[in-house]
N, C-alpha and C. Protein backbone atom coordinates (compact mmCIF):
# COMPACT_ATOMS: atom_id res chain seq x y z
N MET A 1 0.75 -1.26 -0.13
CA MET A 1 -0.11 -0.13 0.27
C MET A 1 1.10 1.28 -0.10
N ALA A 2 0.41 2.09 -0.90
CA ALA A 2 1.46 3.39 -0.99
C ALA A 2 1.14 4.23 0.40
N ARG A 3 2.37 4.82 1.15
CA ARG A 3 2.12 5.63 2.12
C ARG A 3 2.04 6.80 1.78
N ARG A 4 1.52 7.64 2.76
CA ARG A 4 1.38 8.89 2.15
C ARG A 4 1.18 10.07 3.59
N ILE A 5 1.99 11.22 3.80
CA ILE A 5 1.98 11.86 5.05
C ILE A 5 0.82 12.84 4.48
N ALA A 6 0.03 12.93 6.11
CA ALA A 6 -1.08 13.85 6.02
C ALA A 6 -0.52 15.36 6.38
N GLN A 7 -1.34 16.39 5.51
CA GLN A 7 -0.72 17.76 5.62
C GLN A 7 -1.62 18.75 6.71
N ALA A 8 -2.82 17.67 7.10
CA ALA A 8 -3.71 18.28 8.62
C ALA A 8 -4.43 17.28 8.80
N SER A 9 -4.91 17.42 10.05
CA SER A 9 -5.97 16.38 10.76
C SER A 9 -7.17 16.32 9.68
N TYR A 10 -7.53 14.97 9.44
CA TYR A 10 -8.72 14.83 8.59
C TYR A 10 -9.33 13.29 9.10
N ARG A 11 -10.56 13.52 8.88
CA ARG A 11 -11.03 12.33 9.26
C ARG A 11 -11.64 11.27 8.09
N PHE A 12 -11.23 10.02 8.28
CA PHE A 12 -11.59 9.02 7.30
C PHE A 12 -12.78 7.92 7.63
N PHE A 13 -13.49 7.46 6.97
CA PHE A 13 -14.26 6.63 7.41
C PHE A 13 -13.53 5.23 6.22
N ILE A 14 -12.90 4.35 6.49
CA ILE A 14 -12.02 3.55 6.07
C ILE A 14 -12.65 2.09 6.06
N THR A 15 -12.87 1.60 4.82
CA THR A 15 -13.55 0.35 4.65
C THR A 15 -12.37 -0.90 4.50
N ARG A 16 -12.65 -1.81 4.93
CA ARG A 16 -11.85 -3.34 4.60
C ARG A 16 -12.71 -4.24 4.09
N PRO A 17 -12.53 -5.09 3.47
CA PRO A 17 -13.67 -6.24 3.76
C PRO A 17 -14.21 -6.44 4.82
N GLY A 18 -15.47 -6.28 5.27
CA GLY A 18 -16.04 -7.02 6.33
C GLY A 18 -15.57 -6.04 7.49
N ASN A 19 -15.21 -4.96 7.31
CA ASN A 19 -14.53 -3.86 8.15
C ASN A 19 -14.76 -2.72 8.06
N VAL A 20 -15.50 -1.48 8.80
CA VAL A 20 -15.50 -0.41 8.65
C VAL A 20 -14.87 0.34 10.19
N LYS A 21 -14.17 1.23 9.91
CA LYS A 21 -13.82 2.13 10.94
C LYS A 21 -13.38 3.45 10.72
N ILE A 22 -13.16 4.21 11.56
CA ILE A 22 -13.07 5.43 11.58
C ILE A 22 -11.66 6.02 12.06
N GLY A 23 -10.78 6.28 11.34
CA GLY A 23 -9.25 6.68 11.53
C GLY A 23 -9.05 8.04 11.48
N THR A 24 -8.47 8.69 12.18
CA THR A 24 -7.90 10.23 12.10
C THR A 24 -6.33 10.02 12.00
N ILE A 25 -5.88 10.94 11.25
CA ILE A 25 -4.36 11.23 10.69
C ILE A 25 -3.89 12.64 11.18
N GLY A 26 -2.88 13.01 11.90
CA GLY A 26 -2.74 14.32 12.50
C GLY A 26 -1.67 14.91 11.63
N GLN A 27 -1.52 15.54 11.91
CA GLN A 27 -0.29 16.72 11.29
C GLN A 27 0.95 15.82 11.02
N ASN A 28 1.67 15.78 10.05
CA ASN A 28 2.82 15.28 9.63
C ASN A 28 2.84 13.50 10.17
N HIS A 29 2.09 13.16 10.39
CA HIS A 29 1.74 11.51 11.11
C HIS A 29 1.64 10.57 9.83
N TRP A 30 2.24 9.79 9.97
CA TRP A 30 1.93 8.61 8.57
C TRP A 30 1.09 7.52 9.24
N ASN A 31 -0.03 7.32 8.57
CA ASN A 31 -0.89 5.86 8.95
C ASN A 31 -1.07 5.22 7.98
N ASP A 32 -0.57 3.96 8.17
CA ASP A 32 -0.67 2.89 7.04
C ASP A 32 -2.13 2.52 6.74
N ASP A 33 -3.03 2.82 7.63
CA ASP A 33 -4.54 2.66 7.38
C ASP A 33 -5.10 3.24 6.20
N VAL A 34 -4.39 4.40 5.86
CA VAL A 34 -5.30 5.40 5.22
C VAL A 34 -5.42 4.86 3.62
N ILE A 35 -6.64 4.89 3.08
CA ILE A 35 -6.63 4.45 2.01
C ILE A 35 -6.62 5.42 1.09
N PRO A 36 -6.08 5.77 -0.08
CA PRO A 36 -5.92 7.07 -0.45
C PRO A 36 -7.02 6.97 -1.83
N PHE A 37 -8.37 7.28 -1.65
CA PHE A 37 -9.21 7.30 -2.79
C PHE A 37 -8.99 8.59 -3.22
N PHE A 38 -9.22 9.91 -2.65
CA PHE A 38 -9.43 11.11 -2.62
C PHE A 38 -8.04 12.12 -2.54
N PRO A 39 -7.73 12.80 -3.14
CA PRO A 39 -6.51 13.78 -2.69
C PRO A 39 -6.85 14.35 -1.46
N GLN A 40 -6.05 14.12 -0.48
CA GLN A 40 -6.42 14.52 1.27
C GLN A 40 -6.66 15.74 1.35
N GLU A 41 -5.74 16.75 0.33
CA GLU A 41 -5.70 17.99 0.73
C GLU A 41 -7.30 18.75 0.00
N ARG A 42 -8.15 18.13 -0.51
CA ARG A 42 -9.51 18.43 -1.03
C ARG A 42 -10.30 18.24 -0.22
N TYR A 43 -10.46 17.13 0.72
CA TYR A 43 -11.62 16.66 1.35
C TYR A 43 -11.16 16.54 2.97
N ASN A 44 -12.11 17.17 3.90
CA ASN A 44 -11.82 16.98 5.09
C ASN A 44 -12.21 15.47 5.68
N THR A 45 -13.43 15.08 4.88
CA THR A 45 -14.22 13.94 5.06
C THR A 45 -14.33 13.01 4.04
N ILE A 46 -14.06 11.89 3.92
CA ILE A 46 -14.12 10.83 2.86
C ILE A 46 -15.11 9.70 3.55
N GLU A 47 -16.11 9.71 2.85
CA GLU A 47 -17.39 8.67 3.45
C GLU A 47 -17.42 7.63 2.09
N VAL A 48 -17.48 6.32 2.62
CA VAL A 48 -17.49 5.26 1.88
C VAL A 48 -18.55 4.22 1.95
N MET A 49 -19.34 4.94 3.12
CA MET A 49 -20.40 3.93 3.39
C MET A 49 -21.68 4.72 3.01
N MET A 50 -22.27 3.82 1.82
CA MET A 50 -23.49 4.68 1.18
C MET A 50 -24.67 3.63 1.22
N MET A 51 -25.71 4.19 1.19
CA MET A 51 -27.21 3.28 1.29
C MET A 51 -27.26 2.77 -0.24
N PRO A 52 -27.94 1.61 0.23
CA PRO A 52 -28.35 0.64 -1.37
C PRO A 52 -28.97 1.73 -2.23
N ASN A 53 -28.48 1.18 -3.71
CA ASN A 53 -28.93 2.17 -4.69
C ASN A 53 -30.71 2.51 -4.43
N ALA A 54 -31.52 1.30 -4.37
CA ALA A 54 -32.78 1.36 -4.24
C ALA A 54 -33.17 2.45 -3.15
N ASP A 55 -32.65 2.22 -2.09
CA ASP A 55 -32.80 3.07 -0.97
C ASP A 55 -32.96 4.80 -1.37
N ALA A 56 -31.45 4.64 -2.01
CA ALA A 56 -31.36 6.24 -2.58
C ALA A 56 -32.35 6.74 -3.68
N ILE A 57 -33.05 5.63 -4.14
CA ILE A 57 -34.03 6.17 -5.43
C ILE A 57 -35.04 6.30 -4.35
N ALA A 58 -35.35 5.40 -3.73
CA ALA A 58 -36.64 6.05 -2.76
C ALA A 58 -36.45 7.54 -2.00
N LEU A 59 -35.23 7.66 -1.16
CA LEU A 59 -34.98 8.80 -0.80
C LEU A 59 -35.44 9.88 -1.49
N GLY A 60 -34.72 9.46 -3.13
CA GLY A 60 -35.03 11.01 -3.71
C GLY A 60 -36.67 11.08 -4.17
N LYS A 61 -37.25 10.00 -4.39
CA LYS A 61 -38.47 10.35 -4.44
C LYS A 61 -39.05 11.44 -3.35
N GLN A 62 -38.85 10.85 -2.38
CA GLN A 62 -39.85 11.28 -1.21
C GLN A 62 -39.07 12.55 -1.00
N ILE A 63 -37.93 12.84 -1.44
CA ILE A 63 -37.55 14.44 -1.00
C ILE A 63 -38.10 15.35 -2.26
N LYS A 64 -38.16 14.72 -3.46
CA LYS A 64 -38.99 15.56 -4.38
C LYS A 64 -40.50 15.65 -4.11
N ALA A 65 -41.23 14.49 -3.73
CA ALA A 65 -42.68 14.98 -3.33
C ALA A 65 -42.88 15.86 -2.18
N VAL A 66 -41.93 15.85 -1.37
CA VAL A 66 -42.42 16.60 -0.31
C VAL A 66 -41.89 18.49 -0.48
N ARG A 67 -40.90 18.37 -1.16
CA ARG A 67 -40.32 19.66 -1.71
C ARG A 67 -41.71 20.24 -2.58
N LYS A 68 -41.93 19.49 -3.62
CA LYS A 68 -43.07 19.79 -4.66
C LYS A 68 -44.36 20.33 -3.85
N ALA A 69 -44.68 19.26 -2.52
CA ALA A 69 -46.07 19.55 -1.94
C ALA A 69 -45.69 20.99 -1.20
N MET A 70 -44.75 21.42 -0.99
CA MET A 70 -44.43 22.49 -0.48
C MET A 70 -44.33 23.86 -1.42
N LYS A 71 -44.43 23.46 -2.57
CA LYS A 71 -44.60 24.35 -4.11
C LYS A 71 -43.05 25.02 -3.81
N MET A 72 -42.08 24.20 -3.52
CA MET A 72 -40.74 24.74 -3.60
C MET A 72 -40.00 24.10 -4.51
N THR A 73 -39.31 25.15 -5.26
CA THR A 73 -38.58 24.59 -6.39
C THR A 73 -37.21 24.12 -5.79
N GLN A 74 -36.49 23.50 -6.84
CA GLN A 74 -34.92 23.05 -6.42
C GLN A 74 -34.31 24.01 -6.24
N GLU A 75 -34.20 25.06 -6.89
CA GLU A 75 -33.59 26.32 -6.44
C GLU A 75 -33.96 26.96 -5.06
N GLN A 76 -34.99 26.57 -4.77
CA GLN A 76 -35.19 27.43 -3.42
C GLN A 76 -34.46 26.54 -2.60
N LEU A 77 -34.79 25.11 -2.77
CA LEU A 77 -34.19 24.15 -1.65
C LEU A 77 -32.92 24.37 -1.57
N ALA A 78 -32.07 24.21 -2.84
CA ALA A 78 -30.78 24.37 -3.00
C ALA A 78 -30.27 25.64 -2.11
N LEU A 79 -30.95 26.71 -2.27
CA LEU A 79 -30.49 27.96 -1.67
C LEU A 79 -30.67 27.84 0.22
N LYS A 80 -31.52 27.32 0.72
CA LYS A 80 -32.18 27.21 1.82
C LYS A 80 -30.88 25.97 2.45
N SER A 81 -30.86 25.12 2.01
CA SER A 81 -29.86 23.66 2.29
C SER A 81 -28.32 24.12 2.05
N ASN A 82 -28.13 25.19 1.34
CA ASN A 82 -26.53 25.36 0.98
C ASN A 82 -26.43 24.16 0.34
N VAL A 83 -27.07 23.64 -0.76
CA VAL A 83 -26.08 22.34 -1.57
C VAL A 83 -26.77 22.97 -2.94
N SER A 84 -25.80 22.59 -3.95
CA SER A 84 -26.28 22.76 -5.31
C SER A 84 -27.22 22.44 -5.68
N VAL A 85 -27.83 22.93 -6.88
CA VAL A 85 -28.98 22.71 -7.60
C VAL A 85 -29.09 21.22 -8.50
N LYS A 86 -27.73 20.87 -8.79
CA LYS A 86 -27.57 19.72 -9.51
C LYS A 86 -27.42 18.81 -8.53
N TYR A 87 -27.08 19.13 -7.77
CA TYR A 87 -26.64 17.77 -6.48
C TYR A 87 -28.00 17.33 -5.96
N ILE A 88 -29.05 18.62 -5.61
CA ILE A 88 -30.44 18.32 -5.16
C ILE A 88 -31.17 17.51 -6.37
N ALA A 89 -31.16 17.83 -7.87
CA ALA A 89 -31.30 17.51 -8.73
C ALA A 89 -31.17 15.55 -8.87
N ASN A 90 -29.76 15.52 -8.66
CA ASN A 90 -28.94 14.18 -8.86
C ASN A 90 -29.80 13.16 -7.55
N ILE A 91 -30.14 13.84 -6.42
CA ILE A 91 -30.47 12.94 -5.30
C ILE A 91 -31.80 12.91 -5.76
N GLU A 92 -32.82 13.53 -6.27
CA GLU A 92 -33.94 13.75 -6.28
C GLU A 92 -34.34 12.30 -7.45
N ASN A 93 -33.70 12.42 -8.53
CA ASN A 93 -33.42 11.50 -9.33
C ASN A 93 -32.62 10.14 -8.96
N GLY A 94 -32.27 9.75 -7.82
CA GLY A 94 -31.62 8.60 -7.49
C GLY A 94 -30.44 8.34 -8.24
N LYS A 95 -29.77 9.36 -8.70
CA LYS A 95 -28.36 9.26 -9.05
C LYS A 95 -27.29 9.74 -8.22
N GLN A 96 -27.67 10.15 -7.16
CA GLN A 96 -26.48 10.74 -6.15
C GLN A 96 -26.88 10.20 -5.11
N ASN A 97 -25.73 9.79 -3.99
CA ASN A 97 -26.43 8.89 -2.66
C ASN A 97 -26.10 9.94 -1.85
N PRO A 98 -26.63 10.76 -1.10
CA PRO A 98 -26.31 11.74 -0.33
C PRO A 98 -25.11 11.71 1.06
N SER A 99 -24.35 12.19 1.31
CA SER A 99 -23.94 12.00 2.66
C SER A 99 -24.79 12.33 3.70
N PHE A 100 -24.27 12.23 4.91
CA PHE A 100 -24.86 12.11 6.20
C PHE A 100 -25.30 14.11 6.11
N ASP A 101 -24.20 14.74 6.15
CA ASP A 101 -24.02 16.24 6.16
C ASP A 101 -25.04 17.00 5.37
N ILE A 102 -25.07 16.39 3.96
CA ILE A 102 -25.99 16.97 3.08
C ILE A 102 -27.56 16.79 3.16
N LEU A 103 -27.83 15.22 3.34
CA LEU A 103 -28.84 14.88 3.82
C LEU A 103 -29.57 15.62 5.10
N SER A 104 -28.74 15.87 6.05
CA SER A 104 -29.19 16.60 7.19
C SER A 104 -29.32 18.42 6.82
N SER A 105 -28.51 18.57 5.97
CA SER A 105 -28.75 19.99 5.67
C SER A 105 -30.47 20.16 4.99
N ILE A 106 -30.58 19.10 4.02
CA ILE A 106 -31.95 19.07 3.30
C ILE A 106 -32.84 19.06 4.35
N LEU A 107 -32.94 17.97 5.42
CA LEU A 107 -33.87 17.75 6.08
C LEU A 107 -34.09 18.69 7.17
N HIS A 108 -33.29 19.87 7.02
CA HIS A 108 -33.61 20.49 8.25
C HIS A 108 -34.50 22.06 7.38
N VAL A 109 -34.01 21.83 6.22
CA VAL A 109 -35.52 22.96 5.11
C VAL A 109 -36.62 22.03 4.91
N LEU A 110 -36.98 20.97 4.84
CA LEU A 110 -38.02 20.24 4.23
C LEU A 110 -38.87 19.48 5.81
N PRO A 111 -40.07 19.41 5.54
CA PRO A 111 -40.62 18.96 7.20
C PRO A 111 -40.72 17.48 6.99
N LEU A 112 -39.15 16.86 6.93
CA LEU A 112 -39.06 15.18 7.01
C LEU A 112 -38.13 15.07 8.52
N SER A 113 -38.41 13.94 8.82
CA SER A 113 -37.54 13.78 9.93
C SER A 113 -36.58 12.57 9.60
N LEU A 114 -35.24 12.79 10.00
CA LEU A 114 -34.50 11.61 9.58
C LEU A 114 -35.08 10.28 9.86
N ASP A 115 -35.56 9.85 10.51
CA ASP A 115 -36.18 8.70 10.95
C ASP A 115 -37.26 8.17 9.82
N SER A 116 -37.91 9.06 9.69
CA SER A 116 -39.03 8.90 8.11
C SER A 116 -38.26 8.24 6.86
N VAL A 117 -37.13 9.22 6.56
CA VAL A 117 -36.62 9.00 5.65
C VAL A 117 -35.72 7.79 5.51
N ILE A 118 -34.91 7.38 6.73
CA ILE A 118 -34.34 5.82 6.77
C ILE A 118 -34.99 4.66 7.21
N ASN A 119 -36.21 4.94 7.82
CA ASN A 119 -36.90 3.84 8.07
C ASN A 119 -38.58 4.15 7.33
N PRO A 120 -38.59 3.96 6.20
CA PRO A 120 -39.83 4.41 5.81
C PRO A 120 -41.01 3.49 5.76
N ASN A 121 -40.88 2.49 6.52
CA ASN A 121 -41.79 1.75 6.81
C ASN A 121 -42.44 1.80 8.13
N LEU A 122 -42.19 2.79 8.55
CA LEU A 122 -43.23 3.48 9.78
C LEU A 122 -44.86 3.41 9.57
N SER A 123 -45.35 3.37 10.51
CA SER A 123 -47.03 3.22 10.51
C SER A 123 -47.50 4.95 9.85
N GLU A 124 -48.86 5.03 9.06
CA GLU A 124 -48.98 6.43 8.72
C GLU A 124 -49.24 7.22 9.76
N ALA A 125 -49.68 6.78 10.95
CA ALA A 125 -49.98 7.70 12.16
C ALA A 125 -48.57 8.21 13.02
N GLU A 126 -47.20 7.21 12.85
CA GLU A 126 -46.05 7.61 13.15
C GLU A 126 -45.37 8.70 12.73
N ARG A 127 -45.59 8.17 11.02
CA ARG A 127 -45.36 8.95 10.08
C ARG A 127 -45.62 10.55 10.02
N GLU A 128 -46.69 10.67 10.33
CA GLU A 128 -47.50 11.68 10.66
C GLU A 128 -47.19 12.71 11.86
N CYS A 129 -47.08 11.65 13.06
CA CYS A 129 -46.62 12.31 14.11
C CYS A 129 -45.00 13.03 14.10
N ARG A 130 -44.11 12.39 13.43
CA ARG A 130 -42.79 12.72 13.17
C ARG A 130 -43.01 14.05 12.49
N GLU A 131 -43.92 14.00 11.41
CA GLU A 131 -43.78 15.13 10.41
C GLU A 131 -44.19 16.17 11.11
N LEU A 132 -45.19 16.24 12.20
CA LEU A 132 -45.55 17.35 12.90
C LEU A 132 -44.35 17.62 14.10
N GLU A 133 -43.49 16.99 14.43
CA GLU A 133 -42.67 17.14 15.22
C GLU A 133 -41.40 17.97 14.38
N SER A 134 -41.16 17.73 13.13
CA SER A 134 -40.78 18.46 12.05
C SER A 134 -40.39 19.59 12.25
N ILE A 135 -42.13 19.70 11.95
CA ILE A 135 -42.65 21.09 11.61
C ILE A 135 -42.42 21.92 12.58
N TYR A 136 -42.67 21.69 13.64
CA TYR A 136 -42.13 22.36 15.00
C TYR A 136 -40.56 22.71 15.24
N PHE A 137 -39.61 21.64 15.03
CA PHE A 137 -38.47 22.08 15.09
C PHE A 137 -38.21 22.97 14.06
N ALA A 138 -38.72 22.82 12.62
CA ALA A 138 -38.10 23.69 11.50
C ALA A 138 -38.57 25.13 11.86
N CYS A 139 -39.69 25.50 12.44
CA CYS A 139 -40.16 26.85 12.92
C CYS A 139 -39.21 27.45 14.09
N PRO A 140 -39.02 28.55 13.97
CA PRO A 140 -37.95 29.71 14.25
C PRO A 140 -38.38 29.48 15.86
N PRO A 141 -37.45 29.33 16.66
CA PRO A 141 -37.56 28.90 17.94
C PRO A 141 -38.62 30.24 18.73
N GLU A 142 -38.72 31.27 18.47
CA GLU A 142 -39.36 32.08 19.00
C GLU A 142 -41.02 31.77 18.61
N MET A 143 -41.16 31.50 17.74
CA MET A 143 -42.70 31.10 16.99
C MET A 143 -43.26 29.72 17.16
N ARG A 144 -42.52 28.83 18.14
CA ARG A 144 -42.73 27.71 18.38
C ARG A 144 -43.90 27.39 19.27
N LYS A 145 -43.87 28.63 20.35
CA LYS A 145 -45.24 28.50 21.35
C LYS A 145 -46.31 29.10 20.66
N THR A 146 -46.15 29.56 19.80
CA THR A 146 -47.55 30.25 18.80
C THR A 146 -48.06 29.01 17.90
N LEU A 147 -46.89 28.44 17.32
CA LEU A 147 -47.32 26.99 16.44
C LEU A 147 -48.03 26.16 17.42
N LEU A 148 -47.67 26.11 18.67
CA LEU A 148 -48.14 24.80 19.47
C LEU A 148 -49.45 25.32 19.75
N ASP A 149 -49.69 26.38 20.37
CA ASP A 149 -51.08 26.96 20.50
C ASP A 149 -52.00 27.08 19.51
N ALA A 150 -51.56 27.24 18.43
CA ALA A 150 -52.40 27.38 17.21
C ALA A 150 -53.08 25.93 17.23
N THR A 151 -51.86 25.04 17.14
CA THR A 151 -52.25 23.50 17.03
C THR A 151 -53.17 22.99 18.00
N ARG A 152 -52.98 23.38 19.10
CA ARG A 152 -54.05 22.81 20.16
C ARG A 152 -54.85 23.45 20.14
N SER A 153 -55.27 24.77 19.73
CA SER A 153 -56.51 25.23 19.48
C SER A 153 -57.28 24.58 18.19
N LEU A 154 -56.61 24.24 17.17
CA LEU A 154 -57.18 23.61 16.16
C LEU A 154 -57.38 21.91 16.35
N ALA A 155 -56.98 21.30 17.06
CA ALA A 155 -57.24 20.20 17.68
C ALA A 155 -58.28 20.10 18.38
N ILE A 156 -58.83 20.99 19.30
CA ILE A 156 -59.84 21.10 20.23
C ILE A 156 -61.24 21.26 19.14
N HIS A 157 -61.08 22.33 18.29
CA HIS A 157 -61.71 22.60 17.43
C HIS A 157 -62.46 21.44 16.35
N LEU A 158 -61.38 20.82 16.11
CA LEU A 158 -61.51 19.66 15.23
C LEU A 158 -62.34 18.50 15.87
N THR A 159 -61.99 18.24 17.19
CA THR A 159 -62.73 17.31 18.15
C THR A 159 -63.88 17.61 18.24
N GLU A 160 -64.34 19.05 18.35
CA GLU A 160 -65.80 19.31 18.86
C GLU A 160 -66.69 19.36 17.45
N LEU A 161 -65.82 19.44 16.46
CA LEU A 161 -66.44 19.07 14.94
C LEU A 161 -66.88 17.70 14.89
N SER A 162 -65.76 17.02 14.97
CA SER A 162 -66.06 15.63 14.90
C SER A 162 -67.24 15.05 15.76
N GLU A 163 -67.15 15.48 16.95
CA GLU A 163 -68.48 14.83 18.06
C GLU A 163 -69.79 15.55 17.68
N GLN A 164 -69.81 16.53 16.89
CA GLN A 164 -71.16 17.10 16.55
C GLN A 164 -71.31 16.63 15.15
N ASN A 165 -70.63 16.03 14.27
CA ASN A 165 -70.75 14.94 13.07
C ASN A 165 -71.48 13.74 13.58
N LYS A 166 -71.03 13.20 14.60
CA LYS A 166 -71.26 12.10 15.21
C LYS A 166 -72.85 11.82 15.50
N ASN A 167 -72.92 13.20 16.18
CA ASN A 167 -74.49 13.59 17.12
C ASN A 167 -75.61 13.68 15.95
N THR A 168 -75.01 13.93 14.80
CA THR A 168 -76.05 14.40 13.81
C THR A 168 -76.26 13.17 12.70
């Protein structure tokens, strides 16, 4: 294996057959475990753990559906999540497998939880509950109490309407 000296501290996800580990190399230290996938000077983190292709396609479809439901363009999502438009398009079309950091940036903009994306087999009630939670946390902190009060008021009103409909 080629040995290479590190120019600065970097974190790597290193894979070997049947083995995944995180390794760190520091300034001017040799590390025989570093696999030189990419030029070290260009990447702070090299991630080689990826989700299966079918899951990446499903993820892209889910992100696209939620984005469209919010009447948001790819450009708007890209701007708000600090991800390029091309990268967003590639994710939505299942051509790009996003890193955790990219996925996290996108999920902070959309009312999706990481749970619902990673575990799409949740029941509808669980998914809706988590979506409400995502909406709450996506709201600016100073507006969360207002959102919660409005939601409570709406829930009371809808319960009363439901009771009235049952009685008629």
